[in-house]
């Protein structure tokens, strides 16, 4: 999406620096930065939401040290990884 926007700005208004979006290396670096930023900003909020919905681990008592500490840990943390991958790809992809 941003690729198309900056391509339009470059063609219509000769917007300085807009041509940098043509390079895949720049877009991939920006995707990494956006991905890290998204996971750092929204990760804690998603974990708190999952805890409020009581989506967590059920721990069986096997007598292992430190096992009870994991009780209540959200099991859907992969949601953060999926969202932090999909959003930058859709934002910076050449569609």
PDB file of N, CA and C in Angstrom:
ATOM      1  N   UNK A   1       0.811  -1.190   0.000  1.00  0.00           N
ATOM      2  CA  UNK A   1       0.000   0.000   0.000  1.00  0.00           C
ATOM      3  C   UNK A   1       0.862   1.265   0.000  1.00  0.00           C
ATOM      4  N   UNK A   2       1.854   1.288   0.867  1.00  0.00           N
ATOM      5  CA  UNK A   2       2.719   2.468   0.897  1.00  0.00           C
ATOM      6  C   UNK A   2       3.538   2.590  -0.377  1.00  0.00           C
ATOM      7  N   UNK A   3       3.861   1.446  -0.998  1.00  0.00           N
ATOM      8  CA  UNK A   3       4.602   1.469  -2.255  1.00  0.00           C
ATOM      9  C   UNK A   3       3.801   2.238  -3.304  1.00  0.00           C
ATOM     10  N   UNK A   4       2.520   1.925  -3.426  1.00  0.00           N
ATOM     11  CA  UNK A   4       1.671   2.601  -4.412  1.00  0.00           C
ATOM     12  C   UNK A   4       1.497   4.080  -4.085  1.00  0.00           C
ATOM     13  N   UNK A   5       1.373   4.397  -2.816  1.00  0.00           N
ATOM     14  CA  UNK A   5       1.229   5.792  -2.411  1.00  0.00           C
ATOM     15  C   UNK A   5       2.468   6.599  -2.774  1.00  0.00           C
ATOM     16  N   UNK A   6       3.638   6.078  -2.445  1.00  0.00           N
ATOM     17  CA  UNK A   6       4.864   6.824  -2.732  1.00  0.00           C
ATOM     18  C   UNK A   6       5.196   6.840  -4.223  1.00  0.00           C
ATOM     19  N   UNK A   7       4.779   5.818  -4.952  1.00  0.00           N
ATOM     20  CA  UNK A   7       4.954   5.834  -6.404  1.00  0.00           C
ATOM     21  C   UNK A   7       4.092   6.944  -7.019  1.00  0.00           C
ATOM     22  N   UNK A   8       2.875   7.088  -6.528  1.00  0.00           N
ATOM     23  CA  UNK A   8       1.994   8.163  -6.985  1.00  0.00           C
ATOM     24  C   UNK A   8       2.575   9.532  -6.640  1.00  0.00           C
ATOM     25  N   UNK A   9       3.066   9.683  -5.412  1.00  0.00           N
ATOM     26  CA  UNK A   9       3.642  10.963  -4.997  1.00  0.00           C
ATOM     27  C   UNK A   9       4.872  11.318  -5.821  1.00  0.00           C
ATOM     28  N   UNK A  10       5.653  10.311  -6.181  1.00  0.00           N
ATOM     29  CA  UNK A  10       6.846  10.575  -6.985  1.00  0.00           C
ATOM     30  C   UNK A  10       6.467  10.989  -8.408  1.00  0.00           C
ATOM     31  N   UNK A  11       5.478  10.332  -8.982  1.00  0.00           N
ATOM     32  CA  UNK A  11       5.088  10.638 -10.356  1.00  0.00           C
ATOM     33  C   UNK A  11       4.369  11.979 -10.466  1.00  0.00           C
ATOM     34  N   UNK A  12       3.518  12.278  -9.522  1.00  0.00           N
ATOM     35  CA  UNK A  12       2.699  13.482  -9.609  1.00  0.00           C
ATOM     36  C   UNK A  12       3.398  14.729  -9.079  1.00  0.00           C
ATOM     37  N   UNK A  13       4.091  14.587  -7.979  1.00  0.00           N
ATOM     38  CA  UNK A  13       4.619  15.761  -7.283  1.00  0.00           C
ATOM     39  C   UNK A  13       6.142  15.762  -7.139  1.00  0.00           C
ATOM     40  N   UNK A  14       6.830  14.778  -7.705  1.00  0.00           N
ATOM     41  CA  UNK A  14       8.282  14.638  -7.564  1.00  0.00           C
ATOM     42  C   UNK A  14       8.691  14.732  -6.091  1.00  0.00           C
ATOM     43  N   UNK A  15       7.977  14.000  -5.273  1.00  0.00           N
ATOM     44  CA  UNK A  15       8.193  13.974  -3.829  1.00  0.00           C
ATOM     45  C   UNK A  15       9.600  13.454  -3.535  1.00  0.00           C
ATOM     46  N   UNK A  16      10.426  14.220  -2.827  1.00  0.00           N
ATOM     47  CA  UNK A  16      11.815  13.783  -2.587  1.00  0.00           C
ATOM     48  C   UNK A  16      11.874  12.559  -1.664  1.00  0.00           C
ATOM     49  N   UNK A  17      12.663  11.596  -2.061  1.00  0.00           N
ATOM     50  CA  UNK A  17      12.848  10.396  -1.260  1.00  0.00           C
ATOM     51  C   UNK A  17      11.821   9.315  -1.487  1.00  0.00           C
ATOM     52  N   UNK A  18      10.841   9.560  -2.336  1.00  0.00           N
ATOM     53  CA  UNK A  18       9.788   8.570  -2.558  1.00  0.00           C
ATOM     54  C   UNK A  18      10.278   7.384  -3.372  1.00  0.00           C
ATOM     55  N   UNK A  19      11.330   7.567  -4.136  1.00  0.00           N
ATOM     56  CA  UNK A  19      11.819   6.474  -4.982  1.00  0.00           C
ATOM     57  C   UNK A  19      12.512   5.381  -4.175  1.00  0.00           C
ATOM     58  N   UNK A  20      12.783   5.624  -2.921  1.00  0.00           N
ATOM     59  CA  UNK A  20      13.456   4.628  -2.089  1.00  0.00           C
ATOM     60  C   UNK A  20      12.558   3.402  -1.874  1.00  0.00           C
ATOM     61  N   UNK A  21      11.248   3.549  -2.025  1.00  0.00           N
ATOM     62  CA  UNK A  21      10.326   2.428  -1.861  1.00  0.00           C
ATOM     63  C   UNK A  21      10.402   1.442  -3.016  1.00  0.00           C
ATOM     64  N   UNK A  22      11.110   1.765  -4.078  1.00  0.00           N
ATOM     65  CA  UNK A  22      11.285   0.832  -5.187  1.00  0.00           C
ATOM     66  C   UNK A  22      12.235  -0.297  -4.818  1.00  0.00           C
ATOM     67  N   UNK A  23      13.088  -0.089  -3.853  1.00  0.00           N
ATOM     68  CA  UNK A  23      14.101  -1.076  -3.480  1.00  0.00           C
ATOM     69  C   UNK A  23      13.539  -2.068  -2.468  1.00  0.00           C
ATOM     70  N   UNK A  24      13.665  -3.347  -2.808  1.00  0.00           N
ATOM     71  CA  UNK A  24      13.166  -4.395  -1.922  1.00  0.00           C
ATOM     72  C   UNK A  24      13.930  -4.429  -0.600  1.00  0.00           C
ATOM     73  N   UNK A  25      15.198  -4.062  -0.632  1.00  0.00           N
ATOM     74  CA  UNK A  25      15.985  -4.072   0.603  1.00  0.00           C
ATOM     75  C   UNK A  25      15.464  -3.026   1.587  1.00  0.00           C
ATOM     76  N   UNK A  26      15.059  -1.865   1.085  1.00  0.00           N
ATOM     77  CA  UNK A  26      14.506  -0.836   1.961  1.00  0.00           C
ATOM     78  C   UNK A  26      13.168  -1.293   2.535  1.00  0.00           C
ATOM     79  N   UNK A  27      12.320  -1.862   1.676  1.00  0.00           N
ATOM     80  CA  UNK A  27      11.008  -2.305   2.146  1.00  0.00           C
ATOM     81  C   UNK A  27      11.125  -3.449   3.142  1.00  0.00           C
ATOM     82  N   UNK A  28      12.082  -4.345   2.942  1.00  0.00           N
ATOM     83  CA  UNK A  28      12.244  -5.442   3.900  1.00  0.00           C
ATOM     84  C   UNK A  28      12.792  -4.936   5.232  1.00  0.00           C
ATOM     85  N   UNK A  29      13.699  -3.978   5.194  1.00  0.00           N
ATOM     86  CA  UNK A  29      14.203  -3.394   6.442  1.00  0.00           C
ATOM     87  C   UNK A  29      13.087  -2.660   7.186  1.00  0.00           C
ATOM     88  N   UNK A  30      12.258  -1.939   6.453  1.00  0.00           N
ATOM     89  CA  UNK A  30      11.130  -1.247   7.085  1.00  0.00           C
ATOM     90  C   UNK A  30      10.125  -2.245   7.652  1.00  0.00           C
ATOM     91  N   UNK A  31       9.922  -3.372   6.968  1.00  0.00           N
ATOM     92  CA  UNK A  31       9.012  -4.399   7.472  1.00  0.00           C
ATOM     93  C   UNK A  31       9.520  -4.971   8.790  1.00  0.00           C
ATOM     94  N   UNK A  32      10.826  -5.169   8.891  1.00  0.00           N
ATOM     95  CA  UNK A  32      11.405  -5.669  10.143  1.00  0.00           C
ATOM     96  C   UNK A  32      11.204  -4.652  11.263  1.00  0.00           C
ATOM     97  N   UNK A  33      11.430  -3.385  10.960  1.00  0.00           N
ATOM     98  CA  UNK A  33      11.270  -2.334  11.973  1.00  0.00           C
ATOM     99  C   UNK A  33       9.812  -2.217  12.407  1.00  0.00           C
ATOM    100  N   UNK A  34       8.879  -2.225  11.442  1.00  0.00           N
ATOM    101  CA  UNK A  34       7.456  -2.153  11.782  1.00  0.00           C
ATOM    102  C   UNK A  34       7.020  -3.379  12.583  1.00  0.00           C
ATOM    103  N   UNK A  35       7.541  -4.543  12.219  1.00  0.00           N
ATOM    104  CA  UNK A  35       7.188  -5.770  12.914  1.00  0.00           C
ATOM    105  C   UNK A  35       7.637  -5.728  14.375  1.00  0.00           C
ATOM    106  N   UNK A  36       8.867  -5.309  14.592  1.00  0.00           N
ATOM    107  CA  UNK A  36       9.367  -5.204  15.963  1.00  0.00           C
ATOM    108  C   UNK A  36       8.586  -4.156  16.753  1.00  0.00           C
ATOM    109  N   UNK A  37       8.313  -3.028  16.125  1.00  0.00           N
ATOM    110  CA  UNK A  37       7.554  -1.981  16.795  1.00  0.00           C
ATOM    111  C   UNK A  37       6.156  -2.431  17.163  1.00  0.00           C
ATOM    112  N   UNK A  38       5.490  -3.112  16.226  1.00  0.00           N
ATOM    113  CA  UNK A  38       4.140  -3.598  16.499  1.00  0.00           C
ATOM    114  C   UNK A  38       4.133  -4.583  17.660  1.00  0.00           C
ATOM    115  N   UNK A  39       5.066  -5.536  17.635  1.00  0.00           N
ATOM    116  CA  UNK A  39       5.079  -6.533  18.701  1.00  0.00           C
ATOM    117  C   UNK A  39       5.440  -5.919  20.052  1.00  0.00           C
ATOM    118  N   UNK A  40       6.280  -4.898  20.060  1.00  0.00           N
ATOM    119  CA  UNK A  40       6.647  -4.265  21.326  1.00  0.00           C
ATOM    120  C   UNK A  40       5.523  -3.375  21.854  1.00  0.00           C
ATOM    121  N   UNK A  41       4.803  -2.708  20.958  1.00  0.00           N
ATOM    122  CA  UNK A  41       3.739  -1.804  21.397  1.00  0.00           C
ATOM    123  C   UNK A  41       2.482  -2.569  21.791  1.00  0.00           C
ATOM    124  N   UNK A  42       2.062  -3.510  20.940  1.00  0.00           N
ATOM    125  CA  UNK A  42       0.790  -4.189  21.167  1.00  0.00           C
ATOM    126  C   UNK A  42       0.925  -5.537  21.865  1.00  0.00           C
ATOM    127  N   UNK A  43       2.136  -6.042  22.032  1.00  0.00           N
ATOM    128  CA  UNK A  43       2.326  -7.353  22.646  1.00  0.00           C
ATOM    129  C   UNK A  43       1.790  -7.432  24.059  1.00  0.00           C
ATOM    130  N   UNK A  44       2.128  -6.467  24.879  1.00  0.00           N
ATOM    131  CA  UNK A  44       1.674  -6.467  26.277  1.00  0.00           C
ATOM    132  C   UNK A  44       0.149  -6.339  26.357  1.00  0.00           C
ATOM    133  N   UNK A  45      -0.430  -5.525  25.464  1.00  0.00           N
ATOM    134  CA  UNK A  45      -1.886  -5.358  25.472  1.00  0.00           C
ATOM    135  C   UNK A  45      -2.588  -6.651  25.076  1.00  0.00           C
ATOM    136  N   UNK A  46      -2.031  -7.362  24.103  1.00  0.00           N
ATOM    137  CA  UNK A  46      -2.623  -8.631  23.679  1.00  0.00           C
ATOM    138  C   UNK A  46      -2.512  -9.670  24.791  1.00  0.00           C
ATOM    139  N   UNK A  47      -1.369  -9.721  25.459  1.00  0.00           N
ATOM    140  CA  UNK A  47      -1.189 -10.668  26.568  1.00  0.00           C
ATOM    141  C   UNK A  47      -2.159 -10.356  27.700  1.00  0.00           C
ATOM    142  N   UNK A  48      -2.330  -9.080  28.041  1.00  0.00           N
ATOM    143  CA  UNK A  48      -3.285  -8.709  29.094  1.00  0.00           C
ATOM    144  C   UNK A  48      -4.710  -9.063  28.695  1.00  0.00           C
ATOM    145  N   UNK A  49      -5.047  -8.876  27.418  1.00  0.00           N
ATOM    146  CA  UNK A  49      -6.386  -9.241  26.942  1.00  0.00           C
ATOM    147  C   UNK A  49      -6.597 -10.750  27.048  1.00  0.00           C
ATOM    148  N   UNK A  50      -5.602 -11.532  26.652  1.00  0.00           N
ATOM    149  CA  UNK A  50      -5.724 -12.986  26.744  1.00  0.00           C
ATOM    150  C   UNK A  50      -5.856 -13.434  28.195  1.00  0.00           C
ATOM    151  N   UNK A  51      -5.146 -12.773  29.097  1.00  0.00           N
ATOM    152  CA  UNK A  51      -5.281 -13.106  30.523  1.00  0.00           C
ATOM    153  C   UNK A  51      -6.666 -12.749  31.041  1.00  0.00           C
ATOM    154  N   UNK A  52      -7.225 -11.617  30.586  1.00  0.00           N
ATOM    155  CA  UNK A  52      -8.561 -11.226  31.046  1.00  0.00           C
ATOM    156  C   UNK A  52      -9.633 -12.181  30.526  1.00  0.00           C
ATOM    157  N   UNK A  53      -9.387 -12.802  29.382  1.00  0.00           N
ATOM    158  CA  UNK A  53     -10.320 -13.786  28.838  1.00  0.00           C
ATOM    159  C   UNK A  53     -10.053 -15.191  29.384  1.00  0.00           C
ATOM    160  N   UNK A  54      -9.086 -15.301  30.279  1.00  0.00           N
ATOM    161  CA  UNK A  54      -8.689 -16.545  30.942  1.00  0.00           C
ATOM    162  C   UNK A  54      -8.285 -17.620  29.933  1.00  0.00           C
ATOM    163  N   UNK A  55      -7.539 -17.198  28.912  1.00  0.00           N
ATOM    164  CA  UNK A  55      -6.976 -18.138  27.943  1.00  0.00           C
ATOM    165  C   UNK A  55      -5.555 -18.413  28.411  1.00  0.00           C
ATOM    166  N   UNK A  56      -5.391 -19.475  29.165  1.00  0.00           N
ATOM    167  CA  UNK A  56      -4.076 -19.746  29.735  1.00  0.00           C
ATOM    168  C   UNK A  56      -3.803 -21.228  29.869  1.00  0.00           C
ATOM    169  N   UNK A  57      -2.608 -21.535  30.311  1.00  0.00           N
ATOM    170  CA  UNK A  57      -2.172 -22.915  30.485  1.00  0.00           C
ATOM    171  C   UNK A  57      -2.822 -23.534  31.716  1.00  0.00           C
ATOM    172  N   UNK A  58      -3.230 -24.771  31.584  1.00  0.00           N
ATOM    173  CA  UNK A  58      -3.632 -25.579  32.732  1.00  0.00           C
ATOM    174  C   UNK A  58      -2.472 -26.515  33.033  1.00  0.00           C
ATOM    175  N   UNK A  59      -1.931 -26.398  34.223  1.00  0.00           N
ATOM    176  CA  UNK A  59      -0.740 -27.152  34.596  1.00  0.00           C
ATOM    177  C   UNK A  59      -1.132 -28.344  35.461  1.00  0.00           C
ATOM    178  N   UNK A  60      -0.677 -29.523  35.051  1.00  0.00           N
ATOM    179  CA  UNK A  60      -0.867 -30.718  35.879  1.00  0.00           C
ATOM    180  C   UNK A  60       0.254 -30.770  36.911  1.00  0.00           C
ATOM    181  N   UNK A  61      -0.065 -31.276  38.065  1.00  0.00           N
ATOM    182  CA  UNK A  61       0.939 -31.371  39.126  1.00  0.00           C
ATOM    183  C   UNK A  61       1.772 -32.629  38.921  1.00  0.00           C
ATOM    184  N   UNK A  62       2.952 -32.454  38.360  1.00  0.00           N
ATOM    185  CA  UNK A  62       3.871 -33.574  38.147  1.00  0.00           C
ATOM    186  C   UNK A  62       5.039 -33.525  39.121  1.00  0.00           C
ATOM    187  N   UNK A  63       5.042 -32.535  39.990  1.00  0.00           N
ATOM    188  CA  UNK A  63       6.091 -32.421  40.984  1.00  0.00           C
ATOM    189  C   UNK A  63       7.373 -31.792  40.465  1.00  0.00           C
ATOM    190  N   UNK A  64       7.330 -31.157  39.333  1.00  0.00           N
ATOM    191  CA  UNK A  64       8.522 -30.523  38.773  1.00  0.00           C
ATOM    192  C   UNK A  64       8.698 -29.128  39.354  1.00  0.00           C
ATOM    193  N   UNK A  65       9.959 -28.766  39.612  1.00  0.00           N
ATOM    194  CA  UNK A  65      10.253 -27.444  40.161  1.00  0.00           C
ATOM    195  C   UNK A  65       9.952 -26.368  39.124  1.00  0.00           C
ATOM    196  N   UNK A  66       9.300 -25.320  39.533  1.00  0.00           N
ATOM    197  CA  UNK A  66       9.035 -24.183  38.657  1.00  0.00           C
ATOM    198  C   UNK A  66       7.875 -24.386  37.703  1.00  0.00           C
ATOM    199  N   UNK A  67       7.226 -25.534  37.779  1.00  0.00           N
ATOM    200  CA  UNK A  67       6.140 -25.801  36.842  1.00  0.00           C
ATOM    201  C   UNK A  67       4.894 -24.979  37.177  1.00  0.00           C
ATOM    202  N   UNK A  68       4.625 -24.775  38.433  1.00  0.00           N
ATOM    203  CA  UNK A  68       3.445 -24.010  38.844  1.00  0.00           C
ATOM    204  C   UNK A  68       3.570 -22.528  38.492  1.00  0.00           C
ATOM    205  N   UNK A  69       4.783 -22.047  38.264  1.00  0.00           N
ATOM    206  CA  UNK A  69       4.965 -20.646  37.885  1.00  0.00           C
ATOM    207  C   UNK A  69       4.376 -20.363  36.515  1.00  0.00           C
ATOM    208  N   UNK A  70       4.264 -21.371  35.667  1.00  0.00           N
ATOM    209  CA  UNK A  70       3.764 -21.193  34.308  1.00  0.00           C
ATOM    210  C   UNK A  70       2.241 -21.193  34.249  1.00  0.00           C
ATOM    211  N   UNK A  71       1.580 -21.451  35.372  1.00  0.00           N
ATOM    212  CA  UNK A  71       0.126 -21.511  35.365  1.00  0.00           C
ATOM    213  C   UNK A  71      -0.458 -20.135  35.043  1.00  0.00           C
ATOM    214  N   UNK A  72      -1.400 -20.103  34.127  1.00  0.00           N
ATOM    215  CA  UNK A  72      -2.027 -18.857  33.714  1.00  0.00           C
ATOM    216  C   UNK A  72      -1.312 -18.152  32.583  1.00  0.00           C
ATOM    217  N   UNK A  73      -0.206 -18.712  32.091  1.00  0.00           N
ATOM    218  CA  UNK A  73       0.507 -18.112  30.965  1.00  0.00           C
ATOM    219  C   UNK A  73      -0.357 -18.237  29.717  1.00  0.00           C
ATOM    220  N   UNK A  74      -0.595 -17.149  28.994  1.00  0.00           N
ATOM    221  CA  UNK A  74      -1.422 -17.233  27.782  1.00  0.00           C
ATOM    222  C   UNK A  74      -0.818 -18.192  26.759  1.00  0.00           C
ATOM    223  N   UNK A  75      -1.693 -19.001  26.142  1.00  0.00           N
ATOM    224  CA  UNK A  75      -1.226 -20.007  25.194  1.00  0.00           C
ATOM    225  C   UNK A  75      -1.274 -19.520  23.754  1.00  0.00           C
ATOM    226  N   UNK A  76      -1.867 -18.386  23.497  1.00  0.00           N
ATOM    227  CA  UNK A  76      -2.014 -17.909  22.128  1.00  0.00           C
ATOM    228  C   UNK A  76      -1.081 -16.745  21.836  1.00  0.00           C
ATOM    229  N   UNK A  77       0.136 -16.807  22.325  1.00  0.00           N
ATOM    230  CA  UNK A  77       1.119 -15.763  22.056  1.00  0.00           C
ATOM    231  C   UNK A  77       1.527 -15.699  20.599  1.00  0.00           C
ATOM    232  N   UNK A  78       1.255 -16.762  19.847  1.00  0.00           N
ATOM    233  CA  UNK A  78       1.537 -16.768  18.416  1.00  0.00           C
ATOM    234  C   UNK A  78       0.716 -15.750  17.655  1.00  0.00           C
ATOM    235  N   UNK A  79      -0.372 -15.291  18.256  1.00  0.00           N
ATOM    236  CA  UNK A  79      -1.194 -14.250  17.637  1.00  0.00           C
ATOM    237  C   UNK A  79      -0.362 -12.990  17.435  1.00  0.00           C
ATOM    238  N   UNK A  80       0.491 -12.680  18.376  1.00  0.00           N
ATOM    239  CA  UNK A  80       1.371 -11.511  18.268  1.00  0.00           C
ATOM    240  C   UNK A  80       2.312 -11.682  17.084  1.00  0.00           C
ATOM    241  N   UNK A  81       2.861 -12.869  16.925  1.00  0.00           N
ATOM    242  CA  UNK A  81       3.786 -13.130  15.820  1.00  0.00           C
ATOM    243  C   UNK A  81       3.067 -13.028  14.484  1.00  0.00           C
ATOM    244  N   UNK A  82       1.872 -13.587  14.399  1.00  0.00           N
ATOM    245  CA  UNK A  82       1.123 -13.554  13.141  1.00  0.00           C
ATOM    246  C   UNK A  82       0.773 -12.124  12.766  1.00  0.00           C
ATOM    247  N   UNK A  83       0.230 -11.351  13.710  1.00  0.00           N
ATOM    248  CA  UNK A  83      -0.137  -9.966  13.407  1.00  0.00           C
ATOM    249  C   UNK A  83       1.080  -9.107  13.091  1.00  0.00           C
ATOM    250  N   UNK A  84       2.169  -9.332  13.814  1.00  0.00           N
ATOM    251  CA  UNK A  84       3.354  -8.510  13.557  1.00  0.00           C
ATOM    252  C   UNK A  84       4.057  -8.914  12.268  1.00  0.00           C
ATOM    253  N   UNK A  85       3.644  -9.999  11.649  1.00  0.00           N
ATOM    254  CA  UNK A  85       4.151 -10.377  10.331  1.00  0.00           C
ATOM    255  C   UNK A  85       3.221  -9.907   9.224  1.00  0.00           C
ATOM    256  N   UNK A  86       1.923 -10.078   9.411  1.00  0.00           N
ATOM    257  CA  UNK A  86       0.955  -9.761   8.355  1.00  0.00           C
ATOM    258  C   UNK A  86       0.837  -8.261   8.118  1.00  0.00           C
ATOM    259  N   UNK A  87       0.747  -7.453   9.162  1.00  0.00           N
ATOM    260  CA  UNK A  87       0.552  -6.014   8.983  1.00  0.00           C
ATOM    261  C   UNK A  87       1.683  -5.334   8.215  1.00  0.00           C
ATOM    262  N   UNK A  88       2.946  -5.551   8.558  1.00  0.00           N
ATOM    263  CA  UNK A  88       4.010  -4.916   7.765  1.00  0.00           C
ATOM    264  C   UNK A  88       4.061  -5.409   6.318  1.00  0.00           C
ATOM    265  N   UNK A  89       3.760  -6.686   6.107  1.00  0.00           N
ATOM    266  CA  UNK A  89       3.769  -7.204   4.736  1.00  0.00           C
ATOM    267  C   UNK A  89       2.689  -6.522   3.909  1.00  0.00           C
ATOM    268  N   UNK A  90       1.490  -6.411   4.454  1.00  0.00           N
ATOM    269  CA  UNK A  90       0.415  -5.746   3.718  1.00  0.00           C
ATOM    270  C   UNK A  90       0.683  -4.256   3.540  1.00  0.00           C
ATOM    271  N   UNK A  91       1.332  -3.658   4.508  1.00  0.00           N
ATOM    272  CA  UNK A  91       1.606  -2.228   4.450  1.00  0.00           C
ATOM    273  C   UNK A  91       2.696  -1.892   3.440  1.00  0.00           C
ATOM    274  N   UNK A  92       3.716  -2.726   3.335  1.00  0.00           N
ATOM    275  CA  UNK A  92       4.884  -2.402   2.515  1.00  0.00           C
ATOM    276  C   UNK A  92       4.999  -3.229   1.240  1.00  0.00           C
ATOM    277  N   UNK A  93       4.038  -4.090   0.974  1.00  0.00           N
ATOM    278  CA  UNK A  93       4.104  -4.958  -0.189  1.00  0.00           C
ATOM    279  C   UNK A  93       3.814  -4.196  -1.478  1.00  0.00           C
ATOM    280  N   UNK A  94       4.432  -4.658  -2.552  1.00  0.00           N
ATOM    281  CA  UNK A  94       4.176  -4.107  -3.887  1.00  0.00           C
ATOM    282  C   UNK A  94       3.020  -4.911  -4.481  1.00  0.00           C
ATOM    283  N   UNK A  95       1.814  -4.434  -4.278  1.00  0.00           N
ATOM    284  CA  UNK A  95       0.605  -5.157  -4.691  1.00  0.00           C
ATOM    285  C   UNK A  95       0.315  -4.901  -6.154  1.00  0.00           C
TER     286      UNK A  95
END
